[in-house]
Amino acid sequence: MTAEKDTEQSTAPTPKALAVAKAFVADHGGSARAVVENIGRAGARVVLIGEDGRLGDVMVTSPAVGEALVEAVDGLTAHEWDSETTAALKIGAAHRRKMAGPRAS
């Protein structure tokens, strides 16, 4: 049973990650899509897309922790980068410039 308990603890999202995800859902319409992206040794990025189309993210230690985060937050549902999820995203001009970097002028 110890190994099972260790696995549960290692996939449990941190209180901070839970708080960030819950606040995002509350601030952006009461529900959000979540796409868990594996970023290698650094862990995983949980990309959040609110009902209002706003973008956010939460960094976690692994894809398993990201999936556990999605399951733990009411109003958060797991998605993939399909056409429906991409269409739900609304990126404004200021964010596009920020993503483009210093050469966007």
Protein backbone atom coordinates (compact mmCIF):
# COMPACT_ATOMS: atom_id res chain seq x y z
CA MET A 1 0.00 0.00 0.00
CA THR A 2 2.90 2.37 0.55
CA ALA A 3 3.75 2.44 -3.17
CA GLU A 4 0.10 3.20 -3.97
CA LYS A 5 0.06 6.06 -1.46
CA ASP A 6 3.35 7.43 -2.85
CA THR A 7 1.87 7.40 -6.37
CA GLU A 8 -1.21 9.29 -5.17
CA GLN A 9 0.95 11.90 -3.44
CA SER A 10 3.26 12.30 -6.43
CA THR A 11 0.32 12.99 -8.76
CA ALA A 12 -1.51 15.34 -6.40
CA PRO A 13 -1.47 18.96 -7.60
CA THR A 14 -0.05 21.53 -5.20
CA PRO A 15 -2.39 23.84 -3.29
CA LYS A 16 -0.98 26.76 -5.31
CA ALA A 17 -1.73 25.03 -8.66
CA LEU A 18 -5.26 24.26 -7.48
CA ALA A 19 -5.80 27.85 -6.33
CA VAL A 20 -4.55 29.30 -9.63
CA ALA A 21 -6.76 26.98 -11.72
CA LYS A 22 -9.84 27.59 -9.54
CA ALA A 23 -9.33 31.36 -9.69
CA PHE A 24 -8.97 31.22 -13.48
CA VAL A 25 -12.23 29.27 -13.84
CA ALA A 26 -14.05 31.69 -11.52
CA ASP A 27 -12.66 34.78 -13.27
CA HIS A 28 -13.34 33.64 -16.83
CA GLY A 29 -16.92 32.44 -16.94
CA GLY A 30 -17.26 29.55 -14.49
CA SER A 31 -15.80 26.86 -16.73
CA ALA A 32 -12.69 26.35 -18.80
CA ARG A 33 -11.02 23.92 -21.16
CA ALA A 34 -7.67 22.47 -20.15
CA VAL A 35 -4.97 21.04 -22.41
CA VAL A 36 -2.15 19.22 -20.61
CA GLU A 37 1.12 19.59 -22.52
CA ASN A 38 4.17 17.50 -21.61
CA ILE A 39 7.26 19.73 -21.61
CA GLY A 40 9.80 17.04 -20.77
CA ARG A 41 11.95 17.13 -17.64
CA ALA A 42 10.45 20.45 -16.60
CA GLY A 43 7.04 18.79 -16.14
CA ALA A 44 3.84 19.86 -17.86
CA ARG A 45 1.96 22.98 -18.76
CA VAL A 46 -1.79 22.99 -18.27
CA VAL A 47 -3.14 25.52 -20.77
CA LEU A 48 -6.47 27.01 -19.68
CA ILE A 49 -9.03 28.53 -22.04
CA GLY A 50 -11.90 30.28 -20.27
CA GLU A 51 -15.48 30.60 -21.44
CA ASP A 52 -14.60 34.16 -22.42
CA GLY A 53 -11.76 32.92 -24.65
CA ARG A 54 -8.98 34.15 -22.34
CA LEU A 55 -5.78 32.15 -22.08
CA GLY A 56 -3.97 31.11 -18.91
CA ASP A 57 -1.68 28.36 -17.74
CA VAL A 58 -0.44 26.44 -14.73
CA MET A 59 2.92 24.71 -14.55
CA VAL A 60 3.02 21.32 -12.80
CA THR A 61 5.65 18.63 -12.26
CA SER A 62 4.29 16.02 -14.69
CA PRO A 63 1.47 15.27 -17.14
CA ALA A 64 -0.08 12.99 -14.50
CA VAL A 65 -0.22 15.92 -12.06
CA GLY A 66 -1.78 18.04 -14.82
CA GLU A 67 -4.47 15.45 -15.40
CA ALA A 68 -5.10 15.23 -11.65
CA LEU A 69 -5.42 19.02 -11.55
CA VAL A 70 -8.05 18.99 -14.30
CA GLU A 71 -10.03 16.32 -12.43
CA ALA A 72 -9.79 18.20 -9.12
CA VAL A 73 -11.12 21.58 -10.30
CA ASP A 74 -14.87 21.99 -10.78
CA GLY A 75 -15.67 23.56 -14.14
CA LEU A 76 -12.40 22.44 -15.74
CA THR A 77 -12.62 19.86 -18.54
CA ALA A 78 -9.84 18.06 -20.38
CA HIS A 79 -9.45 18.79 -24.09
CA GLU A 80 -6.95 18.37 -26.90
CA TRP A 81 -5.78 21.01 -29.37
CA ASP A 82 -8.62 20.28 -31.80
CA SER A 83 -10.42 22.81 -33.98
CA GLU A 84 -13.16 23.40 -31.39
CA THR A 85 -10.66 24.18 -28.62
CA THR A 86 -8.56 26.38 -30.87
CA ALA A 87 -11.67 28.27 -32.00
CA ALA A 88 -12.64 28.91 -28.36
CA LEU A 89 -9.41 30.86 -27.84
CA LYS A 90 -9.54 34.63 -28.33
CA ILE A 91 -6.09 36.23 -28.44
CA GLY A 92 -6.00 40.02 -28.50
CA ALA A 93 -3.56 42.23 -30.38
CA ALA A 94 -1.51 43.04 -27.27
CA HIS A 95 -0.99 39.34 -26.51
CA ARG A 96 -0.03 38.65 -30.12
CA ARG A 97 2.62 41.39 -29.96
CA LYS A 98 3.94 40.01 -26.67
CA MET A 99 4.22 36.50 -28.17
CA ALA A 100 6.00 37.88 -31.25
CA GLY A 101 8.76 39.43 -29.15
CA PRO A 102 10.84 42.55 -29.70
CA ARG A 103 10.75 42.36 -33.50
CA ALA A 104 6.97 42.79 -33.58
CA SER A 105 7.18 46.59 -33.79
